[in-house]
């Protein structure tokens, strides 16, 4: 494989988000960080859970196949998660709600006490790549081709293959950084991440991210945190 062939095989599509930059409407279809605007009547959210985000999947330019049955995902976070980041699965510190029918929603307008809320503007990308340190994201054929070109031609992965590592709120693509050896298997593919956001005054330890993995058959989530 040469460099163009590696790029074609490695690059993935995703939706990234820009924080702010638009006039907020708080209408159906608008994604947010720091606010959960919609929910179902009678839905119970524990009092110690803070609104993290509202993500309207039906409005996005790209959504992974594992999430296509949902039109909206909302997430609440127990901030005690920051005292337990060594756990392999942090899902107990998150309340993740997926909605397939927008007609059943009502406005609840929950605003975070810790995160400065902003609307999120989606953008389509088709060149997402994994960090080289995350060896579990590489197909063995691609990894071997990269190693061969580095040895034979002096190629550099970050200079010659990577166009951008998207360390931002993102649906689809690759986790922007996970430690080598972290994998939850094919049954739990990565579907989105919520990242540190200086504009929203939200920092995950040292510019890290929460990574969400989803099994659509079991409707089961795994949440992992990592940072450089």
C-alpha atoms as a PDB file:
ATOM      1  CA  UNK A   1       0.000   0.000   0.000  1.00  0.00           C
ATOM      2  CA  UNK A   2       1.180   3.512  -0.798  1.00  0.00           C
ATOM      3  CA  UNK A   3       0.226   6.714   1.042  1.00  0.00           C
ATOM      4  CA  UNK A   4      -2.953   7.503  -0.994  1.00  0.00           C
ATOM      5  CA  UNK A   5      -4.126   3.895  -0.561  1.00  0.00           C
ATOM      6  CA  UNK A   6      -3.488   4.016   3.183  1.00  0.00           C
ATOM      7  CA  UNK A   7      -5.454   7.261   3.469  1.00  0.00           C
ATOM      8  CA  UNK A   8      -8.365   5.807   1.511  1.00  0.00           C
ATOM      9  CA  UNK A   9      -8.455   2.723   3.732  1.00  0.00           C
ATOM     10  CA  UNK A  10      -7.888   4.537   7.033  1.00  0.00           C
ATOM     11  CA  UNK A  11      -9.947   7.730   6.795  1.00  0.00           C
ATOM     12  CA  UNK A  12     -13.421   7.697   8.336  1.00  0.00           C
ATOM     13  CA  UNK A  13     -16.401  10.012   8.098  1.00  0.00           C
ATOM     14  CA  UNK A  14     -17.717  11.861  11.140  1.00  0.00           C
ATOM     15  CA  UNK A  15     -19.645  14.904  12.301  1.00  0.00           C
ATOM     16  CA  UNK A  16     -17.634  17.358  14.380  1.00  0.00           C
ATOM     17  CA  UNK A  17     -19.094  20.293  16.295  1.00  0.00           C
ATOM     18  CA  UNK A  18     -18.119  23.915  16.679  1.00  0.00           C
ATOM     19  CA  UNK A  19     -19.145  25.405  20.020  1.00  0.00           C
ATOM     20  CA  UNK A  20     -21.210  28.561  19.582  1.00  0.00           C
ATOM     21  CA  UNK A  21     -20.943  30.772  16.524  1.00  0.00           C
ATOM     22  CA  UNK A  22     -24.682  30.770  15.834  1.00  0.00           C
ATOM     23  CA  UNK A  23     -27.686  32.548  17.297  1.00  0.00           C
ATOM     24  CA  UNK A  24     -29.405  30.003  19.594  1.00  0.00           C
ATOM     25  CA  UNK A  25     -33.049  29.115  18.993  1.00  0.00           C
ATOM     26  CA  UNK A  26     -33.546  26.255  21.505  1.00  0.00           C
ATOM     27  CA  UNK A  27     -35.819  24.652  18.924  1.00  0.00           C
ATOM     28  CA  UNK A  28     -36.079  21.003  17.942  1.00  0.00           C
ATOM     29  CA  UNK A  29     -33.001  20.028  15.943  1.00  0.00           C
ATOM     30  CA  UNK A  30     -30.495  22.267  17.737  1.00  0.00           C
ATOM     31  CA  UNK A  31     -27.653  20.482  19.549  1.00  0.00           C
ATOM     32  CA  UNK A  32     -26.120  21.871  22.759  1.00  0.00           C
ATOM     33  CA  UNK A  33     -23.298  21.490  25.222  1.00  0.00           C
ATOM     34  CA  UNK A  34     -24.233  22.313  28.826  1.00  0.00           C
ATOM     35  CA  UNK A  35     -27.989  21.974  28.269  1.00  0.00           C
ATOM     36  CA  UNK A  36     -30.551  19.216  27.923  1.00  0.00           C
ATOM     37  CA  UNK A  37     -33.531  20.863  26.313  1.00  0.00           C
ATOM     38  CA  UNK A  38     -35.834  17.929  25.604  1.00  0.00           C
ATOM     39  CA  UNK A  39     -37.167  14.834  27.328  1.00  0.00           C
ATOM     40  CA  UNK A  40     -40.243  12.675  27.884  1.00  0.00           C
ATOM     41  CA  UNK A  41     -42.965  13.450  30.356  1.00  0.00           C
ATOM     42  CA  UNK A  42     -42.339  11.744  33.686  1.00  0.00           C
ATOM     43  CA  UNK A  43     -38.721  10.949  32.925  1.00  0.00           C
ATOM     44  CA  UNK A  44     -36.724  10.776  36.137  1.00  0.00           C
ATOM     45  CA  UNK A  45     -33.219  12.227  36.313  1.00  0.00           C
ATOM     46  CA  UNK A  46     -31.290  11.789  39.594  1.00  0.00           C
ATOM     47  CA  UNK A  47     -30.727  15.128  41.331  1.00  0.00           C
ATOM     48  CA  UNK A  48     -26.941  14.659  41.357  1.00  0.00           C
ATOM     49  CA  UNK A  49     -26.771  14.419  37.553  1.00  0.00           C
ATOM     50  CA  UNK A  50     -25.861  17.596  35.645  1.00  0.00           C
ATOM     51  CA  UNK A  51     -27.006  18.274  32.042  1.00  0.00           C
ATOM     52  CA  UNK A  52     -24.101  17.573  29.684  1.00  0.00           C
ATOM     53  CA  UNK A  53     -25.386  17.721  26.105  1.00  0.00           C
ATOM     54  CA  UNK A  54     -28.240  17.530  23.612  1.00  0.00           C
ATOM     55  CA  UNK A  55     -27.339  15.899  20.274  1.00  0.00           C
ATOM     56  CA  UNK A  56     -29.947  15.794  17.502  1.00  0.00           C
ATOM     57  CA  UNK A  57     -28.740  12.949  15.306  1.00  0.00           C
ATOM     58  CA  UNK A  58     -31.443  13.449  12.681  1.00  0.00           C
ATOM     59  CA  UNK A  59     -29.938  16.836  11.791  1.00  0.00           C
ATOM     60  CA  UNK A  60     -26.342  15.663  11.360  1.00  0.00           C
ATOM     61  CA  UNK A  61     -24.469  15.164   8.065  1.00  0.00           C
ATOM     62  CA  UNK A  62     -23.050  11.845   9.286  1.00  0.00           C
ATOM     63  CA  UNK A  63     -24.210   9.339  11.906  1.00  0.00           C
ATOM     64  CA  UNK A  64     -22.707   5.857  12.446  1.00  0.00           C
ATOM     65  CA  UNK A  65     -25.003   2.971  11.582  1.00  0.00           C
ATOM     66  CA  UNK A  66     -25.241   1.897  15.228  1.00  0.00           C
ATOM     67  CA  UNK A  67     -27.186   5.086  16.035  1.00  0.00           C
ATOM     68  CA  UNK A  68     -29.461   5.412  13.021  1.00  0.00           C
ATOM     69  CA  UNK A  69     -32.518   4.264  14.988  1.00  0.00           C
ATOM     70  CA  UNK A  70     -32.222   7.370  17.196  1.00  0.00           C
ATOM     71  CA  UNK A  71     -33.150  10.919  16.305  1.00  0.00           C
ATOM     72  CA  UNK A  72     -31.931  12.462  19.554  1.00  0.00           C
ATOM     73  CA  UNK A  73     -29.505  11.571  22.339  1.00  0.00           C
ATOM     74  CA  UNK A  74     -29.333  13.514  25.612  1.00  0.00           C
ATOM     75  CA  UNK A  75     -26.740  12.980  28.327  1.00  0.00           C
ATOM     76  CA  UNK A  76     -26.591  13.885  32.005  1.00  0.00           C
ATOM     77  CA  UNK A  77     -23.356  13.464  33.994  1.00  0.00           C
ATOM     78  CA  UNK A  78     -22.671  12.756  37.658  1.00  0.00           C
ATOM     79  CA  UNK A  79     -19.699  15.035  38.339  1.00  0.00           C
ATOM     80  CA  UNK A  80     -18.393  12.515  40.857  1.00  0.00           C
ATOM     81  CA  UNK A  81     -17.085  10.741  37.766  1.00  0.00           C
ATOM     82  CA  UNK A  82     -13.940  12.868  38.091  1.00  0.00           C
ATOM     83  CA  UNK A  83     -13.120  11.009  41.306  1.00  0.00           C
ATOM     84  CA  UNK A  84     -13.473   7.628  39.597  1.00  0.00           C
ATOM     85  CA  UNK A  85     -11.746   7.938  36.227  1.00  0.00           C
ATOM     86  CA  UNK A  86      -9.688   4.796  36.836  1.00  0.00           C
ATOM     87  CA  UNK A  87     -12.779   2.620  36.329  1.00  0.00           C
ATOM     88  CA  UNK A  88     -12.888   0.703  33.041  1.00  0.00           C
ATOM     89  CA  UNK A  89     -16.527   1.582  32.388  1.00  0.00           C
ATOM     90  CA  UNK A  90     -17.907   4.901  33.618  1.00  0.00           C
ATOM     91  CA  UNK A  91     -21.439   4.398  32.340  1.00  0.00           C
ATOM     92  CA  UNK A  92     -22.909   4.436  35.874  1.00  0.00           C
ATOM     93  CA  UNK A  93     -21.932   8.124  36.061  1.00  0.00           C
ATOM     94  CA  UNK A  94     -23.936   8.983  32.946  1.00  0.00           C
ATOM     95  CA  UNK A  95     -27.638   9.054  32.174  1.00  0.00           C
ATOM     96  CA  UNK A  96     -27.907   8.493  28.414  1.00  0.00           C
ATOM     97  CA  UNK A  97     -31.337   8.836  26.819  1.00  0.00           C
ATOM     98  CA  UNK A  98     -31.979   7.883  23.201  1.00  0.00           C
ATOM     99  CA  UNK A  99     -35.181   8.914  21.429  1.00  0.00           C
ATOM    100  CA  UNK A 100     -36.496   7.477  18.171  1.00  0.00           C
ATOM    101  CA  UNK A 101     -39.653   9.598  17.986  1.00  0.00           C
ATOM    102  CA  UNK A 102     -39.475  13.366  18.399  1.00  0.00           C
ATOM    103  CA  UNK A 103     -43.250  13.610  18.721  1.00  0.00           C
ATOM    104  CA  UNK A 104     -43.045  12.181  22.242  1.00  0.00           C
ATOM    105  CA  UNK A 105     -40.769  14.965  23.492  1.00  0.00           C
ATOM    106  CA  UNK A 106     -41.514  17.954  25.629  1.00  0.00           C
ATOM    107  CA  UNK A 107     -39.256  20.878  26.463  1.00  0.00           C
ATOM    108  CA  UNK A 108     -37.522  20.528  29.841  1.00  0.00           C
ATOM    109  CA  UNK A 109     -34.706  23.097  29.434  1.00  0.00           C
ATOM    110  CA  UNK A 110     -32.231  21.778  32.018  1.00  0.00           C
ATOM    111  CA  UNK A 111     -29.090  23.918  32.229  1.00  0.00           C
ATOM    112  CA  UNK A 112     -25.759  22.825  33.708  1.00  0.00           C
ATOM    113  CA  UNK A 113     -24.505  24.382  36.916  1.00  0.00           C
ATOM    114  CA  UNK A 114     -20.889  23.727  35.895  1.00  0.00           C
ATOM    115  CA  UNK A 115     -20.748  24.015  32.087  1.00  0.00           C
ATOM    116  CA  UNK A 116     -21.376  27.263  30.213  1.00  0.00           C
ATOM    117  CA  UNK A 117     -24.085  26.331  27.688  1.00  0.00           C
ATOM    118  CA  UNK A 118     -23.634  26.894  23.956  1.00  0.00           C
ATOM    119  CA  UNK A 119     -25.373  25.621  20.819  1.00  0.00           C
ATOM    120  CA  UNK A 120     -23.282  23.265  18.706  1.00  0.00           C
ATOM    121  CA  UNK A 121     -22.803  23.718  14.962  1.00  0.00           C
ATOM    122  CA  UNK A 122     -22.213  20.434  13.064  1.00  0.00           C
ATOM    123  CA  UNK A 123     -19.656  19.964  10.275  1.00  0.00           C
ATOM    124  CA  UNK A 124     -19.067  16.955   8.034  1.00  0.00           C
ATOM    125  CA  UNK A 125     -15.548  15.525   7.774  1.00  0.00           C
ATOM    126  CA  UNK A 126     -14.251  12.562   5.767  1.00  0.00           C
ATOM    127  CA  UNK A 127     -10.624  12.412   6.911  1.00  0.00           C
ATOM    128  CA  UNK A 128     -10.739  11.402  10.579  1.00  0.00           C
ATOM    129  CA  UNK A 129      -7.731   9.346  11.666  1.00  0.00           C
ATOM    130  CA  UNK A 130      -6.712   7.643  14.912  1.00  0.00           C
ATOM    131  CA  UNK A 131      -3.755   8.597  17.051  1.00  0.00           C
ATOM    132  CA  UNK A 132      -0.791   6.357  16.277  1.00  0.00           C
ATOM    133  CA  UNK A 133      -0.573   5.465  19.984  1.00  0.00           C
ATOM    134  CA  UNK A 134      -4.003   3.841  19.707  1.00  0.00           C
ATOM    135  CA  UNK A 135      -2.854   0.653  17.990  1.00  0.00           C
ATOM    136  CA  UNK A 136      -6.242  -1.046  18.487  1.00  0.00           C
ATOM    137  CA  UNK A 137      -7.828   1.312  15.933  1.00  0.00           C
ATOM    138  CA  UNK A 138      -5.581   0.049  13.118  1.00  0.00           C
ATOM    139  CA  UNK A 139      -6.262  -2.877  10.834  1.00  0.00           C
ATOM    140  CA  UNK A 140      -3.118  -5.029  10.848  1.00  0.00           C
ATOM    141  CA  UNK A 141      -2.633  -4.627   7.077  1.00  0.00           C
ATOM    142  CA  UNK A 142      -2.720  -0.838   7.355  1.00  0.00           C
ATOM    143  CA  UNK A 143      -0.437  -0.803  10.390  1.00  0.00           C
ATOM    144  CA  UNK A 144       2.112  -3.032   8.642  1.00  0.00           C
ATOM    145  CA  UNK A 145       2.022  -0.858   5.523  1.00  0.00           C
ATOM    146  CA  UNK A 146       2.684   2.271   7.601  1.00  0.00           C
ATOM    147  CA  UNK A 147       5.562   0.600   9.439  1.00  0.00           C
ATOM    148  CA  UNK A 148       7.071  -0.564   6.137  1.00  0.00           C
ATOM    149  CA  UNK A 149       6.925   2.919   4.600  1.00  0.00           C
ATOM    150  CA  UNK A 150       8.400   4.447   7.737  1.00  0.00           C
ATOM    151  CA  UNK A 151      11.292   1.984   7.578  1.00  0.00           C
ATOM    152  CA  UNK A 152      11.902   2.005   3.825  1.00  0.00           C
ATOM    153  CA  UNK A 153      11.066   5.597   2.877  1.00  0.00           C
ATOM    154  CA  UNK A 154      11.311   7.584   6.107  1.00  0.00           C
ATOM    155  CA  UNK A 155       7.590   8.364   6.049  1.00  0.00           C
ATOM    156  CA  UNK A 156       6.107   9.960   9.192  1.00  0.00           C
ATOM    157  CA  UNK A 157       2.541   9.014  10.166  1.00  0.00           C
ATOM    158  CA  UNK A 158       1.578  12.417  11.577  1.00  0.00           C
ATOM    159  CA  UNK A 159       3.235  14.340   8.729  1.00  0.00           C
ATOM    160  CA  UNK A 160       2.376  12.191   5.695  1.00  0.00           C
ATOM    161  CA  UNK A 161      -0.884  10.387   6.581  1.00  0.00           C
ATOM    162  CA  UNK A 162      -2.759  12.432   9.190  1.00  0.00           C
ATOM    163  CA  UNK A 163      -4.583  15.534   7.994  1.00  0.00           C
ATOM    164  CA  UNK A 164      -6.214  16.244  11.351  1.00  0.00           C
ATOM    165  CA  UNK A 165      -6.872  14.622  14.729  1.00  0.00           C
ATOM    166  CA  UNK A 166     -10.299  15.933  15.739  1.00  0.00           C
ATOM    167  CA  UNK A 167     -10.111  16.300  19.522  1.00  0.00           C
ATOM    168  CA  UNK A 168     -13.552  17.850  19.831  1.00  0.00           C
ATOM    169  CA  UNK A 169     -17.192  16.861  20.300  1.00  0.00           C
ATOM    170  CA  UNK A 170     -17.691  14.341  17.532  1.00  0.00           C
ATOM    171  CA  UNK A 171     -20.146  11.714  16.257  1.00  0.00           C
ATOM    172  CA  UNK A 172     -18.552   8.877  14.309  1.00  0.00           C
ATOM    173  CA  UNK A 173     -14.927   8.586  13.266  1.00  0.00           C
ATOM    174  CA  UNK A 174     -12.265   7.483  15.743  1.00  0.00           C
ATOM    175  CA  UNK A 175     -11.680   8.249  19.417  1.00  0.00           C
ATOM    176  CA  UNK A 176      -9.186  11.101  19.314  1.00  0.00           C
ATOM    177  CA  UNK A 177      -6.924   9.409  21.880  1.00  0.00           C
ATOM    178  CA  UNK A 178      -7.062   6.204  23.898  1.00  0.00           C
ATOM    179  CA  UNK A 179      -4.273   4.294  25.598  1.00  0.00           C
ATOM    180  CA  UNK A 180      -2.817   1.346  23.721  1.00  0.00           C
ATOM    181  CA  UNK A 181      -4.637  -1.849  24.633  1.00  0.00           C
ATOM    182  CA  UNK A 182      -8.012  -0.210  25.270  1.00  0.00           C
ATOM    183  CA  UNK A 183     -10.632  -2.025  23.221  1.00  0.00           C
ATOM    184  CA  UNK A 184     -14.199  -3.120  23.897  1.00  0.00           C
ATOM    185  CA  UNK A 185     -14.462  -5.444  20.918  1.00  0.00           C
ATOM    186  CA  UNK A 186     -16.511  -5.385  17.733  1.00  0.00           C
ATOM    187  CA  UNK A 187     -19.753  -5.629  19.712  1.00  0.00           C
ATOM    188  CA  UNK A 188     -19.129  -2.188  21.238  1.00  0.00           C
ATOM    189  CA  UNK A 189     -17.953   0.174  18.489  1.00  0.00           C
ATOM    190  CA  UNK A 190     -17.062   3.787  19.203  1.00  0.00           C
ATOM    191  CA  UNK A 191     -19.965   6.099  18.282  1.00  0.00           C
ATOM    192  CA  UNK A 192     -19.226   9.557  19.714  1.00  0.00           C
ATOM    193  CA  UNK A 193     -17.147  11.618  22.112  1.00  0.00           C
ATOM    194  CA  UNK A 194     -17.681  14.667  24.317  1.00  0.00           C
ATOM    195  CA  UNK A 195     -14.435  16.570  24.778  1.00  0.00           C
ATOM    196  CA  UNK A 196     -12.890  19.285  26.873  1.00  0.00           C
ATOM    197  CA  UNK A 197     -14.259  22.628  25.705  1.00  0.00           C
ATOM    198  CA  UNK A 198     -12.594  25.873  26.767  1.00  0.00           C
ATOM    199  CA  UNK A 199     -15.463  27.994  25.458  1.00  0.00           C
ATOM    200  CA  UNK A 200     -17.957  26.036  27.556  1.00  0.00           C
ATOM    201  CA  UNK A 201     -15.494  26.048  30.483  1.00  0.00           C
ATOM    202  CA  UNK A 202     -15.524  22.265  30.563  1.00  0.00           C
ATOM    203  CA  UNK A 203     -12.223  20.492  31.171  1.00  0.00           C
ATOM    204  CA  UNK A 204     -11.746  16.734  31.436  1.00  0.00           C
ATOM    205  CA  UNK A 205      -8.579  16.459  33.536  1.00  0.00           C
ATOM    206  CA  UNK A 206      -6.033  17.625  30.939  1.00  0.00           C
ATOM    207  CA  UNK A 207      -7.879  18.343  27.736  1.00  0.00           C
ATOM    208  CA  UNK A 208      -9.307  14.836  27.554  1.00  0.00           C
ATOM    209  CA  UNK A 209     -12.552  13.324  26.321  1.00  0.00           C
ATOM    210  CA  UNK A 210     -15.334  10.970  27.322  1.00  0.00           C
ATOM    211  CA  UNK A 211     -15.694   8.238  24.701  1.00  0.00           C
ATOM    212  CA  UNK A 212     -19.014   6.467  24.161  1.00  0.00           C
ATOM    213  CA  UNK A 213     -19.251   2.910  22.783  1.00  0.00           C
ATOM    214  CA  UNK A 214     -22.611   1.348  21.960  1.00  0.00           C
ATOM    215  CA  UNK A 215     -24.038  -2.123  21.373  1.00  0.00           C
ATOM    216  CA  UNK A 216     -27.307  -1.598  19.433  1.00  0.00           C
ATOM    217  CA  UNK A 217     -28.504  -5.190  19.927  1.00  0.00           C
ATOM    218  CA  UNK A 218     -28.240  -4.988  23.712  1.00  0.00           C
ATOM    219  CA  UNK A 219     -28.910  -1.213  23.757  1.00  0.00           C
ATOM    220  CA  UNK A 220     -25.966  -1.071  26.116  1.00  0.00           C
ATOM    221  CA  UNK A 221     -23.302   1.619  26.580  1.00  0.00           C
ATOM    222  CA  UNK A 222     -19.677   1.715  27.660  1.00  0.00           C
ATOM    223  CA  UNK A 223     -18.116   5.063  28.597  1.00  0.00           C
ATOM    224  CA  UNK A 224     -14.362   5.508  28.790  1.00  0.00           C
ATOM    225  CA  UNK A 225     -12.213   8.543  29.620  1.00  0.00           C
ATOM    226  CA  UNK A 226      -8.704   9.300  28.407  1.00  0.00           C
ATOM    227  CA  UNK A 227      -6.388  12.260  27.988  1.00  0.00           C
ATOM    228  CA  UNK A 228      -2.840  12.947  26.840  1.00  0.00           C
END
